[in-house]
Amino acid sequence: MAKSLEDFLIELDTNSDLMKAYEKDPVGTAEQYGLSEEDVKLIKDKNWEEIEKRFADQNKAPRVVHC
């Protein structure tokens, strides 16, 4: 089962190894984490507004790293 974008961003905030990998290769890290093609596309397209909107809808405030 694919993991959610929300789970990925929360883990980025708490897992320094995942963050280091993401800083080097955001798309590859998202794919390896198991995100859906749609979620990987948001990262690839740098669609930060949509990513932030998803968290606003969930009443969460993640740290989003803009690479």
PDB file of N, CA and C in Angstrom:
ATOM      1  N   MET A   1       0.841  -1.182   0.000  1.00  0.00           N
ATOM      2  CA  MET A   1       0.000   0.000   0.000  1.00  0.00           C
ATOM      3  C   MET A   1       0.889   1.249   0.000  1.00  0.00           C
ATOM      4  N   ALA A   2       0.562   2.166  -0.867  1.00  0.00           N
ATOM      5  CA  ALA A   2       1.324   3.409  -0.948  1.00  0.00           C
ATOM      6  C   ALA A   2       1.084   4.255   0.295  1.00  0.00           C
ATOM      7  N   LYS A   3       2.107   4.954   0.694  1.00  0.00           N
ATOM      8  CA  LYS A   3       1.990   5.843   1.840  1.00  0.00           C
ATOM      9  C   LYS A   3       1.477   7.192   1.357  1.00  0.00           C
ATOM     10  N   SER A   4       0.917   7.963   2.272  1.00  0.00           N
ATOM     11  CA  SER A   4       0.342   9.241   1.882  1.00  0.00           C
ATOM     12  C   SER A   4       1.383  10.347   1.855  1.00  0.00           C
ATOM     13  N   LEU A   5       1.094  11.373   1.099  1.00  0.00           N
ATOM     14  CA  LEU A   5       1.942  12.552   1.042  1.00  0.00           C
ATOM     15  C   LEU A   5       2.057  13.181   2.423  1.00  0.00           C
ATOM     16  N   GLU A   6       0.973  13.180   3.156  1.00  0.00           N
ATOM     17  CA  GLU A   6       0.971  13.750   4.497  1.00  0.00           C
ATOM     18  C   GLU A   6       1.940  12.994   5.411  1.00  0.00           C
ATOM     19  N   ASP A   7       1.906  11.661   5.340  1.00  0.00           N
ATOM     20  CA  ASP A   7       2.836  10.845   6.134  1.00  0.00           C
ATOM     21  C   ASP A   7       4.284  11.130   5.744  1.00  0.00           C
ATOM     22  N   PHE A   8       4.517  11.270   4.442  1.00  0.00           N
ATOM     23  CA  PHE A   8       5.855  11.544   3.937  1.00  0.00           C
ATOM     24  C   PHE A   8       6.394  12.859   4.494  1.00  0.00           C
ATOM     25  N   LEU A   9       5.594  13.904   4.447  1.00  0.00           N
ATOM     26  CA  LEU A   9       6.051  15.216   4.926  1.00  0.00           C
ATOM     27  C   LEU A   9       6.248  15.236   6.432  1.00  0.00           C
ATOM     28  N   ILE A  10       5.412  14.521   7.146  1.00  0.00           N
ATOM     29  CA  ILE A  10       5.588  14.428   8.602  1.00  0.00           C
ATOM     30  C   ILE A  10       6.887  13.693   8.912  1.00  0.00           C
ATOM     31  N   GLU A  11       7.139  12.606   8.169  1.00  0.00           N
ATOM     32  CA  GLU A  11       8.373  11.854   8.408  1.00  0.00           C
ATOM     33  C   GLU A  11       9.602  12.670   8.008  1.00  0.00           C
ATOM     34  N   LEU A  12       9.481  13.482   6.956  1.00  0.00           N
ATOM     35  CA  LEU A  12      10.592  14.363   6.582  1.00  0.00           C
ATOM     36  C   LEU A  12      10.981  15.267   7.740  1.00  0.00           C
ATOM     37  N   ASP A  13       9.996  15.683   8.491  1.00  0.00           N
ATOM     38  CA  ASP A  13      10.219  16.605   9.601  1.00  0.00           C
ATOM     39  C   ASP A  13      10.878  15.919  10.795  1.00  0.00           C
ATOM     40  N   THR A  14      10.809  14.594  10.856  1.00  0.00           N
ATOM     41  CA  THR A  14      11.315  13.878  12.028  1.00  0.00           C
ATOM     42  C   THR A  14      12.452  12.905  11.724  1.00  0.00           C
ATOM     43  N   ASN A  15      12.725  12.655  10.452  1.00  0.00           N
ATOM     44  CA  ASN A  15      13.723  11.657  10.056  1.00  0.00           C
ATOM     45  C   ASN A  15      14.832  12.365   9.272  1.00  0.00           C
ATOM     46  N   SER A  16      15.963  12.609   9.915  1.00  0.00           N
ATOM     47  CA  SER A  16      17.042  13.369   9.271  1.00  0.00           C
ATOM     48  C   SER A  16      17.629  12.641   8.061  1.00  0.00           C
ATOM     49  N   ASP A  17      17.671  11.323   8.087  1.00  0.00           N
ATOM     50  CA  ASP A  17      18.191  10.579   6.936  1.00  0.00           C
ATOM     51  C   ASP A  17      17.281  10.751   5.722  1.00  0.00           C
ATOM     52  N   LEU A  18      15.973  10.698   5.957  1.00  0.00           N
ATOM     53  CA  LEU A  18      15.019  10.897   4.866  1.00  0.00           C
ATOM     54  C   LEU A  18      15.140  12.323   4.333  1.00  0.00           C
ATOM     55  N   MET A  19      15.308  13.295   5.215  1.00  0.00           N
ATOM     56  CA  MET A  19      15.444  14.690   4.792  1.00  0.00           C
ATOM     57  C   MET A  19      16.695  14.875   3.943  1.00  0.00           C
ATOM     58  N   LYS A  20      17.798  14.259   4.333  1.00  0.00           N
ATOM     59  CA  LYS A  20      19.038  14.370   3.551  1.00  0.00           C
ATOM     60  C   LYS A  20      18.841  13.785   2.155  1.00  0.00           C
ATOM     61  N   ALA A  21      18.180  12.639   2.083  1.00  0.00           N
ATOM     62  CA  ALA A  21      17.908  12.020   0.783  1.00  0.00           C
ATOM     63  C   ALA A  21      17.000  12.911  -0.054  1.00  0.00           C
ATOM     64  N   TYR A  22      15.992  13.499   0.581  1.00  0.00           N
ATOM     65  CA  TYR A  22      15.051  14.378  -0.117  1.00  0.00           C
ATOM     66  C   TYR A  22      15.758  15.620  -0.653  1.00  0.00           C
ATOM     67  N   GLU A  23      16.664  16.176   0.131  1.00  0.00           N
ATOM     68  CA  GLU A  23      17.384  17.369  -0.315  1.00  0.00           C
ATOM     69  C   GLU A  23      18.235  17.073  -1.550  1.00  0.00           C
ATOM     70  N   LYS A  24      18.753  15.860  -1.667  1.00  0.00           N
ATOM     71  CA  LYS A  24      19.574  15.466  -2.815  1.00  0.00           C
ATOM     72  C   LYS A  24      18.711  15.100  -4.023  1.00  0.00           C
ATOM     73  N   ASP A  25      17.578  14.436  -3.778  1.00  0.00           N
ATOM     74  CA  ASP A  25      16.732  13.936  -4.866  1.00  0.00           C
ATOM     75  C   ASP A  25      15.279  13.864  -4.396  1.00  0.00           C
ATOM     76  N   PRO A  26      14.558  14.988  -4.439  1.00  0.00           N
ATOM     77  CA  PRO A  26      13.181  15.003  -3.925  1.00  0.00           C
ATOM     78  C   PRO A  26      12.258  13.985  -4.609  1.00  0.00           C
ATOM     79  N   VAL A  27      12.308  13.936  -5.929  1.00  0.00           N
ATOM     80  CA  VAL A  27      11.401  13.047  -6.664  1.00  0.00           C
ATOM     81  C   VAL A  27      11.744  11.586  -6.403  1.00  0.00           C
ATOM     82  N   GLY A  28      13.013  11.237  -6.490  1.00  0.00           N
ATOM     83  CA  GLY A  28      13.430   9.853  -6.246  1.00  0.00           C
ATOM     84  C   GLY A  28      13.108   9.398  -4.834  1.00  0.00           C
ATOM     85  N   THR A  29      13.292  10.284  -3.873  1.00  0.00           N
ATOM     86  CA  THR A  29      12.990   9.947  -2.482  1.00  0.00           C
ATOM     87  C   THR A  29      11.499   9.716  -2.303  1.00  0.00           C
ATOM     88  N   ALA A  30      10.687  10.566  -2.924  1.00  0.00           N
ATOM     89  CA  ALA A  30       9.232  10.411  -2.831  1.00  0.00           C
ATOM     90  C   ALA A  30       8.788   9.095  -3.465  1.00  0.00           C
ATOM     91  N   GLU A  31       9.367   8.754  -4.601  1.00  0.00           N
ATOM     92  CA  GLU A  31       9.035   7.489  -5.271  1.00  0.00           C
ATOM     93  C   GLU A  31       9.447   6.304  -4.406  1.00  0.00           C
ATOM     94  N   GLN A  32      10.659   6.366  -3.872  1.00  0.00           N
ATOM     95  CA  GLN A  32      11.161   5.265  -3.056  1.00  0.00           C
ATOM     96  C   GLN A  32      10.337   5.105  -1.776  1.00  0.00           C
ATOM     97  N   TYR A  33       9.825   6.195  -1.251  1.00  0.00           N
ATOM     98  CA  TYR A  33       9.004   6.156  -0.041  1.00  0.00           C
ATOM     99  C   TYR A  33       7.678   5.430  -0.303  1.00  0.00           C
ATOM    100  N   GLY A  34       7.246   5.429  -1.558  1.00  0.00           N
ATOM    101  CA  GLY A  34       6.015   4.724  -1.907  1.00  0.00           C
ATOM    102  C   GLY A  34       4.830   5.635  -2.171  1.00  0.00           C
ATOM    103  N   LEU A  35       5.102   6.905  -2.487  1.00  0.00           N
ATOM    104  CA  LEU A  35       3.997   7.819  -2.776  1.00  0.00           C
ATOM    105  C   LEU A  35       3.352   7.476  -4.110  1.00  0.00           C
ATOM    106  N   SER A  36       2.101   7.857  -4.245  1.00  0.00           N
ATOM    107  CA  SER A  36       1.376   7.635  -5.498  1.00  0.00           C
ATOM    108  C   SER A  36       1.981   8.506  -6.595  1.00  0.00           C
ATOM    109  N   GLU A  37       1.709   8.154  -7.833  1.00  0.00           N
ATOM    110  CA  GLU A  37       2.200   8.945  -8.961  1.00  0.00           C
ATOM    111  C   GLU A  37       1.700  10.386  -8.865  1.00  0.00           C
ATOM    112  N   GLU A  38       0.468  10.555  -8.433  1.00  0.00           N
ATOM    113  CA  GLU A  38      -0.115  11.896  -8.291  1.00  0.00           C
ATOM    114  C   GLU A  38       0.663  12.724  -7.267  1.00  0.00           C
ATOM    115  N   ASP A  39       1.000  12.116  -6.134  1.00  0.00           N
ATOM    116  CA  ASP A  39       1.732  12.836  -5.099  1.00  0.00           C
ATOM    117  C   ASP A  39       3.166  13.131  -5.533  1.00  0.00           C
ATOM    118  N   VAL A  40       3.799  12.186  -6.219  1.00  0.00           N
ATOM    119  CA  VAL A  40       5.152  12.409  -6.723  1.00  0.00           C
ATOM    120  C   VAL A  40       5.141  13.559  -7.735  1.00  0.00           C
ATOM    121  N   LYS A  41       4.094  13.616  -8.547  1.00  0.00           N
ATOM    122  CA  LYS A  41       3.980  14.691  -9.539  1.00  0.00           C
ATOM    123  C   LYS A  41       3.887  16.050  -8.858  1.00  0.00           C
ATOM    124  N   LEU A  42       3.198  16.146  -7.732  1.00  0.00           N
ATOM    125  CA  LEU A  42       3.127  17.414  -7.000  1.00  0.00           C
ATOM    126  C   LEU A  42       4.525  17.871  -6.595  1.00  0.00           C
ATOM    127  N   ILE A  43       5.346  16.941  -6.149  1.00  0.00           N
ATOM    128  CA  ILE A  43       6.720  17.277  -5.754  1.00  0.00           C
ATOM    129  C   ILE A  43       7.547  17.621  -6.982  1.00  0.00           C
ATOM    130  N   LYS A  44       7.409  16.822  -8.030  1.00  0.00           N
ATOM    131  CA  LYS A  44       8.163  17.068  -9.260  1.00  0.00           C
ATOM    132  C   LYS A  44       7.825  18.435  -9.850  1.00  0.00           C
ATOM    133  N   ASP A  45       6.538  18.782  -9.826  1.00  0.00           N
ATOM    134  CA  ASP A  45       6.078  20.061 -10.380  1.00  0.00           C
ATOM    135  C   ASP A  45       6.276  21.226  -9.414  1.00  0.00           C
ATOM    136  N   LYS A  46       6.758  20.911  -8.203  1.00  0.00           N
ATOM    137  CA  LYS A  46       6.945  21.926  -7.153  1.00  0.00           C
ATOM    138  C   LYS A  46       5.647  22.686  -6.886  1.00  0.00           C
ATOM    139  N   ASN A  47       4.571  21.922  -6.795  1.00  0.00           N
ATOM    140  CA  ASN A  47       3.242  22.490  -6.570  1.00  0.00           C
ATOM    141  C   ASN A  47       3.018  22.657  -5.067  1.00  0.00           C
ATOM    142  N   TRP A  48       3.785  23.561  -4.464  1.00  0.00           N
ATOM    143  CA  TRP A  48       3.758  23.746  -3.012  1.00  0.00           C
ATOM    144  C   TRP A  48       2.395  24.220  -2.528  1.00  0.00           C
ATOM    145  N   GLU A  49       1.678  24.989  -3.358  1.00  0.00           N
ATOM    146  CA  GLU A  49       0.355  25.476  -2.952  1.00  0.00           C
ATOM    147  C   GLU A  49      -0.604  24.312  -2.711  1.00  0.00           C
ATOM    148  N   GLU A  50      -0.608  23.341  -3.613  1.00  0.00           N
ATOM    149  CA  GLU A  50      -1.497  22.185  -3.456  1.00  0.00           C
ATOM    150  C   GLU A  50      -1.078  21.341  -2.257  1.00  0.00           C
ATOM    151  N   ILE A  51       0.220  21.171  -2.079  1.00  0.00           N
ATOM    152  CA  ILE A  51       0.706  20.397  -0.935  1.00  0.00           C
ATOM    153  C   ILE A  51       0.301  21.079   0.364  1.00  0.00           C
ATOM    154  N   GLU A  52       0.516  22.383   0.453  1.00  0.00           N
ATOM    155  CA  GLU A  52       0.137  23.122   1.658  1.00  0.00           C
ATOM    156  C   GLU A  52      -1.377  23.087   1.872  1.00  0.00           C
ATOM    157  N   LYS A  53      -2.143  23.164   0.782  1.00  0.00           N
ATOM    158  CA  LYS A  53      -3.607  23.111   0.882  1.00  0.00           C
ATOM    159  C   LYS A  53      -4.072  21.787   1.489  1.00  0.00           C
ATOM    160  N   ARG A  54      -3.447  20.712   1.086  1.00  0.00           N
ATOM    161  CA  ARG A  54      -3.824  19.406   1.638  1.00  0.00           C
ATOM    162  C   ARG A  54      -3.633  19.364   3.146  1.00  0.00           C
ATOM    163  N   PHE A  55      -2.560  19.984   3.626  1.00  0.00           N
ATOM    164  CA  PHE A  55      -2.334  20.007   5.070  1.00  0.00           C
ATOM    165  C   PHE A  55      -3.278  20.967   5.759  1.00  0.00           C
ATOM    166  N   ALA A  56      -3.607  22.071   5.129  1.00  0.00           N
ATOM    167  CA  ALA A  56      -4.554  23.022   5.714  1.00  0.00           C
ATOM    168  C   ALA A  56      -5.907  22.339   5.882  1.00  0.00           C
ATOM    169  N   ASP A  57      -6.257  21.508   4.916  1.00  0.00           N
ATOM    170  CA  ASP A  57      -7.512  20.766   4.996  1.00  0.00           C
ATOM    171  C   ASP A  57      -7.501  19.771   6.152  1.00  0.00           C
ATOM    172  N   GLN A  58      -6.319  19.349   6.585  1.00  0.00           N
ATOM    173  CA  GLN A  58      -6.186  18.358   7.651  1.00  0.00           C
ATOM    174  C   GLN A  58      -5.837  19.019   8.989  1.00  0.00           C
ATOM    175  N   ASN A  59      -5.794  20.364   8.998  1.00  0.00           N
ATOM    176  CA  ASN A  59      -5.428  21.122  10.196  1.00  0.00           C
ATOM    177  C   ASN A  59      -4.039  20.749  10.705  1.00  0.00           C
ATOM    178  N   LYS A  60      -3.110  20.562   9.783  1.00  0.00           N
ATOM    179  CA  LYS A  60      -1.736  20.244  10.116  1.00  0.00           C
ATOM    180  C   LYS A  60      -0.841  21.331   9.537  1.00  0.00           C
ATOM    181  N   ALA A  61       0.319  21.492  10.111  1.00  0.00           N
ATOM    182  CA  ALA A  61       1.256  22.519   9.631  1.00  0.00           C
ATOM    183  C   ALA A  61       2.644  21.913   9.502  1.00  0.00           C
ATOM    184  N   PRO A  62       2.923  21.239   8.373  1.00  0.00           N
ATOM    185  CA  PRO A  62       4.248  20.635   8.205  1.00  0.00           C
ATOM    186  C   PRO A  62       5.270  21.653   7.746  1.00  0.00           C
ATOM    187  N   ARG A  63       6.508  21.288   7.897  1.00  0.00           N
ATOM    188  CA  ARG A  63       7.597  22.069   7.317  1.00  0.00           C
ATOM    189  C   ARG A  63       7.815  21.503   5.918  1.00  0.00           C
ATOM    190  N   VAL A  64       7.658  22.344   4.908  1.00  0.00           N
ATOM    191  CA  VAL A  64       7.838  21.909   3.531  1.00  0.00           C
ATOM    192  C   VAL A  64       9.157  22.474   3.043  1.00  0.00           C
ATOM    193  N   VAL A  65      10.026  21.605   2.557  1.00  0.00           N
ATOM    194  CA  VAL A  65      11.317  22.025   2.041  1.00  0.00           C
ATOM    195  C   VAL A  65      11.170  22.251   0.546  1.00  0.00           C
ATOM    196  N   HIS A  66      11.418  23.463   0.121  1.00  0.00           N
ATOM    197  CA  HIS A  66      11.308  23.822  -1.293  1.00  0.00           C
ATOM    198  C   HIS A  66      12.672  23.684  -1.944  1.00  0.00           C
ATOM    199  N   CYS A  67      12.842  22.636  -2.733  1.00  0.00           N
ATOM    200  CA  CYS A  67      14.140  22.400  -3.405  1.00  0.00           C
ATOM    201  C   CYS A  67      14.096  22.904  -4.822  1.00  0.00           C
TER     202      CYS A  67
END
